[in-house]
């Protein structure tokens, strides 16, 4: 069962990506948290043996989060500076 406020965290990370326009380190940290969430989503899909088509959105978001992390890796140490 999914908690009612499940969309709150991804929405907050989306805001983090938006703030990352002005503070690049925030985009990097938002990418880290999105990546962790999507990695856990992929592992959950694998555990219940879903076909690849059902886990594809999580895999795609994981790849995008990895790209964001790589793009902003140098700014992770200073999220607001």
PDB file of N, CA and C in Angstrom:
ATOM      1  N   UNK A   1       0.838  -1.177   0.000  1.00  0.00           N
ATOM      2  CA  UNK A   1       0.000   0.000   0.000  1.00  0.00           C
ATOM      3  C   UNK A   1       0.886   1.244   0.000  1.00  0.00           C
ATOM      4  N   UNK A   2       0.592   2.165  -0.875  1.00  0.00           N
ATOM      5  CA  UNK A   2       1.371   3.395  -1.007  1.00  0.00           C
ATOM      6  C   UNK A   2       0.816   4.433  -0.040  1.00  0.00           C
ATOM      7  N   UNK A   3       1.696   5.095   0.742  1.00  0.00           N
ATOM      8  CA  UNK A   3       1.192   6.137   1.639  1.00  0.00           C
ATOM      9  C   UNK A   3       0.532   7.275   0.869  1.00  0.00           C
ATOM     10  N   UNK A   4      -0.348   7.998   1.506  1.00  0.00           N
ATOM     11  CA  UNK A   4      -1.081   9.071   0.850  1.00  0.00           C
ATOM     12  C   UNK A   4      -0.174  10.200   0.374  1.00  0.00           C
ATOM     13  N   UNK A   5       0.858  10.491   1.117  1.00  0.00           N
ATOM     14  CA  UNK A   5       1.717  11.628   0.766  1.00  0.00           C
ATOM     15  C   UNK A   5       2.905  11.202  -0.094  1.00  0.00           C
ATOM     16  N   UNK A   6       2.759  10.123  -0.849  1.00  0.00           N
ATOM     17  CA  UNK A   6       3.865   9.633  -1.666  1.00  0.00           C
ATOM     18  C   UNK A   6       4.363  10.683  -2.657  1.00  0.00           C
ATOM     19  N   UNK A   7       3.486  11.498  -3.201  1.00  0.00           N
ATOM     20  CA  UNK A   7       3.884  12.487  -4.198  1.00  0.00           C
ATOM     21  C   UNK A   7       4.590  13.697  -3.626  1.00  0.00           C
ATOM     22  N   UNK A   8       4.607  13.832  -2.305  1.00  0.00           N
ATOM     23  CA  UNK A   8       5.225  14.998  -1.685  1.00  0.00           C
ATOM     24  C   UNK A   8       6.725  15.027  -1.906  1.00  0.00           C
ATOM     25  N   UNK A   9       7.385  13.915  -1.688  1.00  0.00           N
ATOM     26  CA  UNK A   9       8.849  13.889  -1.837  1.00  0.00           C
ATOM     27  C   UNK A   9       9.287  14.114  -3.285  1.00  0.00           C
ATOM     28  N   UNK A  10       8.730  13.404  -4.267  1.00  0.00           N
ATOM     29  CA  UNK A  10       9.127  13.701  -5.646  1.00  0.00           C
ATOM     30  C   UNK A  10       8.826  15.143  -6.056  1.00  0.00           C
ATOM     31  N   UNK A  11       7.746  15.704  -5.541  1.00  0.00           N
ATOM     32  CA  UNK A  11       7.441  17.106  -5.853  1.00  0.00           C
ATOM     33  C   UNK A  11       8.500  18.021  -5.248  1.00  0.00           C
ATOM     34  N   UNK A  12       8.935  17.713  -4.040  1.00  0.00           N
ATOM     35  CA  UNK A  12       9.982  18.516  -3.398  1.00  0.00           C
ATOM     36  C   UNK A  12      11.290  18.413  -4.177  1.00  0.00           C
ATOM     37  N   UNK A  13      11.589  17.231  -4.688  1.00  0.00           N
ATOM     38  CA  UNK A  13      12.824  17.081  -5.467  1.00  0.00           C
ATOM     39  C   UNK A  13      12.712  17.794  -6.805  1.00  0.00           C
ATOM     40  N   UNK A  14      11.511  17.845  -7.354  1.00  0.00           N
ATOM     41  CA  UNK A  14      11.292  18.635  -8.571  1.00  0.00           C
ATOM     42  C   UNK A  14      11.524  20.112  -8.312  1.00  0.00           C
ATOM     43  N   UNK A  15      11.074  20.587  -7.147  1.00  0.00           N
ATOM     44  CA  UNK A  15      11.341  21.978  -6.764  1.00  0.00           C
ATOM     45  C   UNK A  15      12.837  22.180  -6.583  1.00  0.00           C
ATOM     46  N   UNK A  16      13.524  21.172  -6.038  1.00  0.00           N
ATOM     47  CA  UNK A  16      14.984  21.240  -5.902  1.00  0.00           C
ATOM     48  C   UNK A  16      15.672  21.379  -7.249  1.00  0.00           C
ATOM     49  N   UNK A  17      15.160  20.665  -8.249  1.00  0.00           N
ATOM     50  CA  UNK A  17      15.722  20.799  -9.596  1.00  0.00           C
ATOM     51  C   UNK A  17      15.468  22.199 -10.147  1.00  0.00           C
ATOM     52  N   UNK A  18      14.300  22.739  -9.853  1.00  0.00           N
ATOM     53  CA  UNK A  18      13.974  24.089 -10.304  1.00  0.00           C
ATOM     54  C   UNK A  18      14.869  25.123  -9.621  1.00  0.00           C
ATOM     55  N   UNK A  19      15.076  24.980  -8.321  1.00  0.00           N
ATOM     56  CA  UNK A  19      15.971  25.878  -7.594  1.00  0.00           C
ATOM     57  C   UNK A  19      17.394  25.723  -8.116  1.00  0.00           C
ATOM     58  N   UNK A  20      17.718  24.544  -8.620  1.00  0.00           N
ATOM     59  CA  UNK A  20      19.043  24.289  -9.183  1.00  0.00           C
ATOM     60  C   UNK A  20      19.386  25.176 -10.364  1.00  0.00           C
ATOM     61  N   UNK A  21      18.382  25.833 -10.936  1.00  0.00           N
ATOM     62  CA  UNK A  21      18.653  26.792 -12.009  1.00  0.00           C
ATOM     63  C   UNK A  21      19.505  27.939 -11.471  1.00  0.00           C
ATOM     64  N   UNK A  22      19.224  28.358 -10.237  1.00  0.00           N
ATOM     65  CA  UNK A  22      19.963  29.455  -9.621  1.00  0.00           C
ATOM     66  C   UNK A  22      21.099  28.958  -8.734  1.00  0.00           C
ATOM     67  N   UNK A  23      20.913  27.804  -8.098  1.00  0.00           N
ATOM     68  CA  UNK A  23      21.918  27.202  -7.223  1.00  0.00           C
ATOM     69  C   UNK A  23      22.213  25.797  -7.732  1.00  0.00           C
ATOM     70  N   UNK A  24      23.235  25.634  -8.569  1.00  0.00           N
ATOM     71  CA  UNK A  24      23.486  24.338  -9.215  1.00  0.00           C
ATOM     72  C   UNK A  24      23.673  23.168  -8.248  1.00  0.00           C
ATOM     73  N   UNK A  25      24.182  23.418  -7.071  1.00  0.00           N
ATOM     74  CA  UNK A  25      24.366  22.330  -6.116  1.00  0.00           C
ATOM     75  C   UNK A  25      23.058  21.699  -5.689  1.00  0.00           C
ATOM     76  N   UNK A  26      21.998  22.502  -5.653  1.00  0.00           N
ATOM     77  CA  UNK A  26      20.690  21.959  -5.292  1.00  0.00           C
ATOM     78  C   UNK A  26      20.183  20.982  -6.349  1.00  0.00           C
ATOM     79  N   UNK A  27      20.475  21.257  -7.599  1.00  0.00           N
ATOM     80  CA  UNK A  27      20.077  20.332  -8.668  1.00  0.00           C
ATOM     81  C   UNK A  27      20.807  19.003  -8.501  1.00  0.00           C
ATOM     82  N   UNK A  28      22.067  19.069  -8.126  1.00  0.00           N
ATOM     83  CA  UNK A  28      22.825  17.841  -7.900  1.00  0.00           C
ATOM     84  C   UNK A  28      22.246  17.007  -6.776  1.00  0.00           C
ATOM     85  N   UNK A  29      21.904  17.663  -5.652  1.00  0.00           N
ATOM     86  CA  UNK A  29      21.333  16.925  -4.526  1.00  0.00           C
ATOM     87  C   UNK A  29      19.934  16.416  -4.834  1.00  0.00           C
ATOM     88  N   UNK A  30      19.164  17.176  -5.571  1.00  0.00           N
ATOM     89  CA  UNK A  30      17.843  16.682  -5.986  1.00  0.00           C
ATOM     90  C   UNK A  30      18.018  15.445  -6.867  1.00  0.00           C
ATOM     91  N   UNK A  31      19.018  15.466  -7.751  1.00  0.00           N
ATOM     92  CA  UNK A  31      19.299  14.302  -8.590  1.00  0.00           C
ATOM     93  C   UNK A  31      19.703  13.091  -7.771  1.00  0.00           C
ATOM     94  N   UNK A  32      20.468  13.318  -6.710  1.00  0.00           N
ATOM     95  CA  UNK A  32      20.872  12.209  -5.835  1.00  0.00           C
ATOM     96  C   UNK A  32      19.637  11.561  -5.205  1.00  0.00           C
ATOM     97  N   UNK A  33      18.742  12.369  -4.650  1.00  0.00           N
ATOM     98  CA  UNK A  33      17.566  11.810  -3.988  1.00  0.00           C
ATOM     99  C   UNK A  33      16.600  11.171  -4.971  1.00  0.00           C
ATOM    100  N   UNK A  34      16.452  11.760  -6.145  1.00  0.00           N
ATOM    101  CA  UNK A  34      15.613  11.133  -7.171  1.00  0.00           C
ATOM    102  C   UNK A  34      16.235   9.806  -7.605  1.00  0.00           C
ATOM    103  N   UNK A  35      17.555   9.785  -7.744  1.00  0.00           N
ATOM    104  CA  UNK A  35      18.245   8.550  -8.121  1.00  0.00           C
ATOM    105  C   UNK A  35      18.060   7.448  -7.097  1.00  0.00           C
ATOM    106  N   UNK A  36      18.145   7.798  -5.811  1.00  0.00           N
ATOM    107  CA  UNK A  36      17.935   6.798  -4.760  1.00  0.00           C
ATOM    108  C   UNK A  36      16.507   6.253  -4.824  1.00  0.00           C
ATOM    109  N   UNK A  37      15.547   7.145  -4.992  1.00  0.00           N
ATOM    110  CA  UNK A  37      14.151   6.718  -5.076  1.00  0.00           C
ATOM    111  C   UNK A  37      13.925   5.804  -6.273  1.00  0.00           C
ATOM    112  N   UNK A  38      14.481   6.166  -7.415  1.00  0.00           N
ATOM    113  CA  UNK A  38      14.267   5.358  -8.614  1.00  0.00           C
ATOM    114  C   UNK A  38      15.019   4.032  -8.538  1.00  0.00           C
ATOM    115  N   UNK A  39      16.181   4.015  -7.901  1.00  0.00           N
ATOM    116  CA  UNK A  39      16.893   2.751  -7.711  1.00  0.00           C
ATOM    117  C   UNK A  39      16.047   1.810  -6.863  1.00  0.00           C
ATOM    118  N   UNK A  40      15.455   2.338  -5.797  1.00  0.00           N
ATOM    119  CA  UNK A  40      14.584   1.507  -4.964  1.00  0.00           C
ATOM    120  C   UNK A  40      13.338   1.067  -5.734  1.00  0.00           C
ATOM    121  N   UNK A  41      12.825   1.928  -6.614  1.00  0.00           N
ATOM    122  CA  UNK A  41      11.675   1.549  -7.434  1.00  0.00           C
ATOM    123  C   UNK A  41      12.025   0.410  -8.377  1.00  0.00           C
ATOM    124  N   UNK A  42      13.194   0.490  -9.020  1.00  0.00           N
ATOM    125  CA  UNK A  42      13.621  -0.580  -9.927  1.00  0.00           C
ATOM    126  C   UNK A  42      13.802  -1.889  -9.152  1.00  0.00           C
ATOM    127  N   UNK A  43      14.419  -1.803  -7.974  1.00  0.00           N
ATOM    128  CA  UNK A  43      14.609  -3.015  -7.170  1.00  0.00           C
ATOM    129  C   UNK A  43      13.263  -3.612  -6.748  1.00  0.00           C
ATOM    130  N   UNK A  44      12.293  -2.757  -6.449  1.00  0.00           N
ATOM    131  CA  UNK A  44      10.955  -3.250  -6.098  1.00  0.00           C
ATOM    132  C   UNK A  44      10.307  -3.949  -7.282  1.00  0.00           C
ATOM    133  N   UNK A  45      10.441  -3.375  -8.468  1.00  0.00           N
ATOM    134  CA  UNK A  45       9.889  -4.002  -9.669  1.00  0.00           C
ATOM    135  C   UNK A  45      10.554  -5.354  -9.927  1.00  0.00           C
ATOM    136  N   UNK A  46      11.855  -5.420  -9.728  1.00  0.00           N
ATOM    137  CA  UNK A  46      12.550  -6.691  -9.930  1.00  0.00           C
ATOM    138  C   UNK A  46      12.105  -7.732  -8.909  1.00  0.00           C
ATOM    139  N   UNK A  47      11.883  -7.281  -7.679  1.00  0.00           N
ATOM    140  CA  UNK A  47      11.501  -8.215  -6.621  1.00  0.00           C
ATOM    141  C   UNK A  47      10.153  -8.869  -6.894  1.00  0.00           C
ATOM    142  N   UNK A  48       9.216  -8.110  -7.443  1.00  0.00           N
ATOM    143  CA  UNK A  48       7.901  -8.685  -7.739  1.00  0.00           C
ATOM    144  C   UNK A  48       7.821  -9.230  -9.163  1.00  0.00           C
ATOM    145  N   UNK A  49       8.951  -9.252  -9.848  1.00  0.00           N
ATOM    146  CA  UNK A  49       9.082  -9.865 -11.174  1.00  0.00           C
ATOM    147  C   UNK A  49       8.178  -9.221 -12.226  1.00  0.00           C
ATOM    148  N   UNK A  50       8.127  -7.893 -12.227  1.00  0.00           N
ATOM    149  CA  UNK A  50       7.393  -7.179 -13.269  1.00  0.00           C
ATOM    150  C   UNK A  50       8.161  -7.256 -14.579  1.00  0.00           C
ATOM    151  N   UNK A  51       7.468  -7.212 -15.706  1.00  0.00           N
ATOM    152  CA  UNK A  51       8.168  -7.154 -16.990  1.00  0.00           C
ATOM    153  C   UNK A  51       8.853  -5.789 -17.145  1.00  0.00           C
ATOM    154  N   UNK A  52       9.795  -5.734 -18.068  1.00  0.00           N
ATOM    155  CA  UNK A  52      10.579  -4.513 -18.257  1.00  0.00           C
ATOM    156  C   UNK A  52       9.696  -3.320 -18.610  1.00  0.00           C
ATOM    157  N   UNK A  53       8.621  -3.548 -19.321  1.00  0.00           N
ATOM    158  CA  UNK A  53       7.729  -2.463 -19.709  1.00  0.00           C
ATOM    159  C   UNK A  53       7.141  -1.717 -18.518  1.00  0.00           C
ATOM    160  N   UNK A  54       6.890  -2.447 -17.430  1.00  0.00           N
ATOM    161  CA  UNK A  54       6.335  -1.797 -16.244  1.00  0.00           C
ATOM    162  C   UNK A  54       7.396  -1.039 -15.465  1.00  0.00           C
ATOM    163  N   UNK A  55       8.638  -1.483 -15.532  1.00  0.00           N
ATOM    164  CA  UNK A  55       9.691  -0.797 -14.781  1.00  0.00           C
ATOM    165  C   UNK A  55      10.433   0.239 -15.624  1.00  0.00           C
ATOM    166  N   UNK A  56      10.096   0.347 -16.911  1.00  0.00           N
ATOM    167  CA  UNK A  56      10.810   1.269 -17.794  1.00  0.00           C
ATOM    168  C   UNK A  56      10.777   2.723 -17.318  1.00  0.00           C
ATOM    169  N   UNK A  57       9.640   3.264 -16.839  1.00  0.00           N
ATOM    170  CA  UNK A  57       9.672   4.648 -16.367  1.00  0.00           C
ATOM    171  C   UNK A  57      10.663   4.870 -15.223  1.00  0.00           C
ATOM    172  N   UNK A  58      10.752   3.912 -14.305  1.00  0.00           N
ATOM    173  CA  UNK A  58      11.704   4.041 -13.196  1.00  0.00           C
ATOM    174  C   UNK A  58      13.138   3.968 -13.702  1.00  0.00           C
ATOM    175  N   UNK A  59      13.393   3.081 -14.666  1.00  0.00           N
ATOM    176  CA  UNK A  59      14.741   2.960 -15.240  1.00  0.00           C
ATOM    177  C   UNK A  59      15.120   4.254 -15.969  1.00  0.00           C
ATOM    178  N   UNK A  60      14.190   4.791 -16.741  1.00  0.00           N
ATOM    179  CA  UNK A  60      14.454   6.028 -17.468  1.00  0.00           C
ATOM    180  C   UNK A  60      14.735   7.187 -16.509  1.00  0.00           C
ATOM    181  N   UNK A  61      13.939   7.305 -15.450  1.00  0.00           N
ATOM    182  CA  UNK A  61      14.180   8.355 -14.462  1.00  0.00           C
ATOM    183  C   UNK A  61      15.495   8.153 -13.733  1.00  0.00           C
ATOM    184  N   UNK A  62      15.888   6.912 -13.511  1.00  0.00           N
ATOM    185  CA  UNK A  62      17.181   6.629 -12.886  1.00  0.00           C
ATOM    186  C   UNK A  62      18.327   7.085 -13.780  1.00  0.00           C
ATOM    187  N   UNK A  63      18.209   6.838 -15.085  1.00  0.00           N
ATOM    188  CA  UNK A  63      19.237   7.267 -16.031  1.00  0.00           C
ATOM    189  C   UNK A  63      19.316   8.796 -16.085  1.00  0.00           C
ATOM    190  N   UNK A  64      18.155   9.447 -16.089  1.00  0.00           N
ATOM    191  CA  UNK A  64      18.135  10.909 -16.114  1.00  0.00           C
ATOM    192  C   UNK A  64      18.735  11.468 -14.823  1.00  0.00           C
ATOM    193  N   UNK A  65      18.400  10.862 -13.688  1.00  0.00           N
ATOM    194  CA  UNK A  65      18.964  11.316 -12.415  1.00  0.00           C
ATOM    195  C   UNK A  65      20.479  11.139 -12.400  1.00  0.00           C
ATOM    196  N   UNK A  66      20.971  10.042 -12.968  1.00  0.00           N
ATOM    197  CA  UNK A  66      22.419   9.834 -13.047  1.00  0.00           C
ATOM    198  C   UNK A  66      23.074  10.905 -13.908  1.00  0.00           C
ATOM    199  N   UNK A  67      22.411  11.295 -14.988  1.00  0.00           N
ATOM    200  CA  UNK A  67      22.945  12.359 -15.840  1.00  0.00           C
ATOM    201  C   UNK A  67      22.988  13.689 -15.090  1.00  0.00           C
ATOM    202  N   UNK A  68      21.943  13.977 -14.318  1.00  0.00           N
ATOM    203  CA  UNK A  68      21.915  15.218 -13.528  1.00  0.00           C
ATOM    204  C   UNK A  68      23.044  15.205 -12.502  1.00  0.00           C
ATOM    205  N   UNK A  69      23.236  14.072 -11.843  1.00  0.00           N
ATOM    206  CA  UNK A  69      24.307  13.963 -10.846  1.00  0.00           C
ATOM    207  C   UNK A  69      25.661  14.190 -11.503  1.00  0.00           C
ATOM    208  N   UNK A  70      25.877  13.593 -12.665  1.00  0.00           N
ATOM    209  CA  UNK A  70      27.159  13.775 -13.356  1.00  0.00           C
ATOM    210  C   UNK A  70      27.359  15.217 -13.802  1.00  0.00           C
ATOM    211  N   UNK A  71      26.292  15.869 -14.256  1.00  0.00           N
ATOM    212  CA  UNK A  71      26.403  17.255 -14.699  1.00  0.00           C
ATOM    213  C   UNK A  71      26.725  18.208 -13.551  1.00  0.00           C
ATOM    214  N   UNK A  72      26.190  17.925 -12.371  1.00  0.00           N
ATOM    215  CA  UNK A  72      26.342  18.836 -11.247  1.00  0.00           C
ATOM    216  C   UNK A  72      27.234  18.262 -10.140  1.00  0.00           C
ATOM    217  N   UNK A  73      28.064  17.281 -10.457  1.00  0.00           N
ATOM    218  CA  UNK A  73      28.903  16.641  -9.444  1.00  0.00           C
ATOM    219  C   UNK A  73      29.859  17.628  -8.785  1.00  0.00           C
ATOM    220  N   UNK A  74      30.367  18.575  -9.532  1.00  0.00           N
ATOM    221  CA  UNK A  74      31.298  19.541  -8.964  1.00  0.00           C
ATOM    222  C   UNK A  74      30.658  20.530  -8.012  1.00  0.00           C
ATOM    223  N   UNK A  75      29.338  20.650  -8.068  1.00  0.00           N
ATOM    224  CA  UNK A  75      28.632  21.605  -7.220  1.00  0.00           C
ATOM    225  C   UNK A  75      28.010  20.978  -5.981  1.00  0.00           C
ATOM    226  N   UNK A  76      28.145  19.674  -5.792  1.00  0.00           N
ATOM    227  CA  UNK A  76      27.498  19.006  -4.668  1.00  0.00           C
ATOM    228  C   UNK A  76      28.037  19.468  -3.323  1.00  0.00           C
ATOM    229  N   UNK A  77      29.300  19.847  -3.266  1.00  0.00           N
ATOM    230  CA  UNK A  77      29.895  20.261  -1.990  1.00  0.00           C
ATOM    231  C   UNK A  77      29.367  21.613  -1.515  1.00  0.00           C
ATOM    232  N   UNK A  78      28.871  22.427  -2.425  1.00  0.00           N
ATOM    233  CA  UNK A  78      28.389  23.762  -2.071  1.00  0.00           C
ATOM    234  C   UNK A  78      26.998  23.994  -2.681  1.00  0.00           C
ATOM    235  N   UNK A  79      25.945  23.443  -2.044  1.00  0.00           N
ATOM    236  CA  UNK A  79      24.621  23.524  -2.647  1.00  0.00           C
ATOM    237  C   UNK A  79      24.074  24.947  -2.804  1.00  0.00           C
ATOM    238  N   UNK A  80      24.484  25.873  -1.952  1.00  0.00           N
ATOM    239  CA  UNK A  80      23.961  27.243  -2.045  1.00  0.00           C
ATOM    240  C   UNK A  80      25.036  28.249  -2.385  1.00  0.00           C
ATOM    241  N   UNK A  81      26.144  27.801  -2.899  1.00  0.00           N
ATOM    242  CA  UNK A  81      27.196  28.770  -3.153  1.00  0.00           C
ATOM    243  C   UNK A  81      27.915  28.594  -4.369  1.00  0.00           C
TER     244      UNK A  81
END
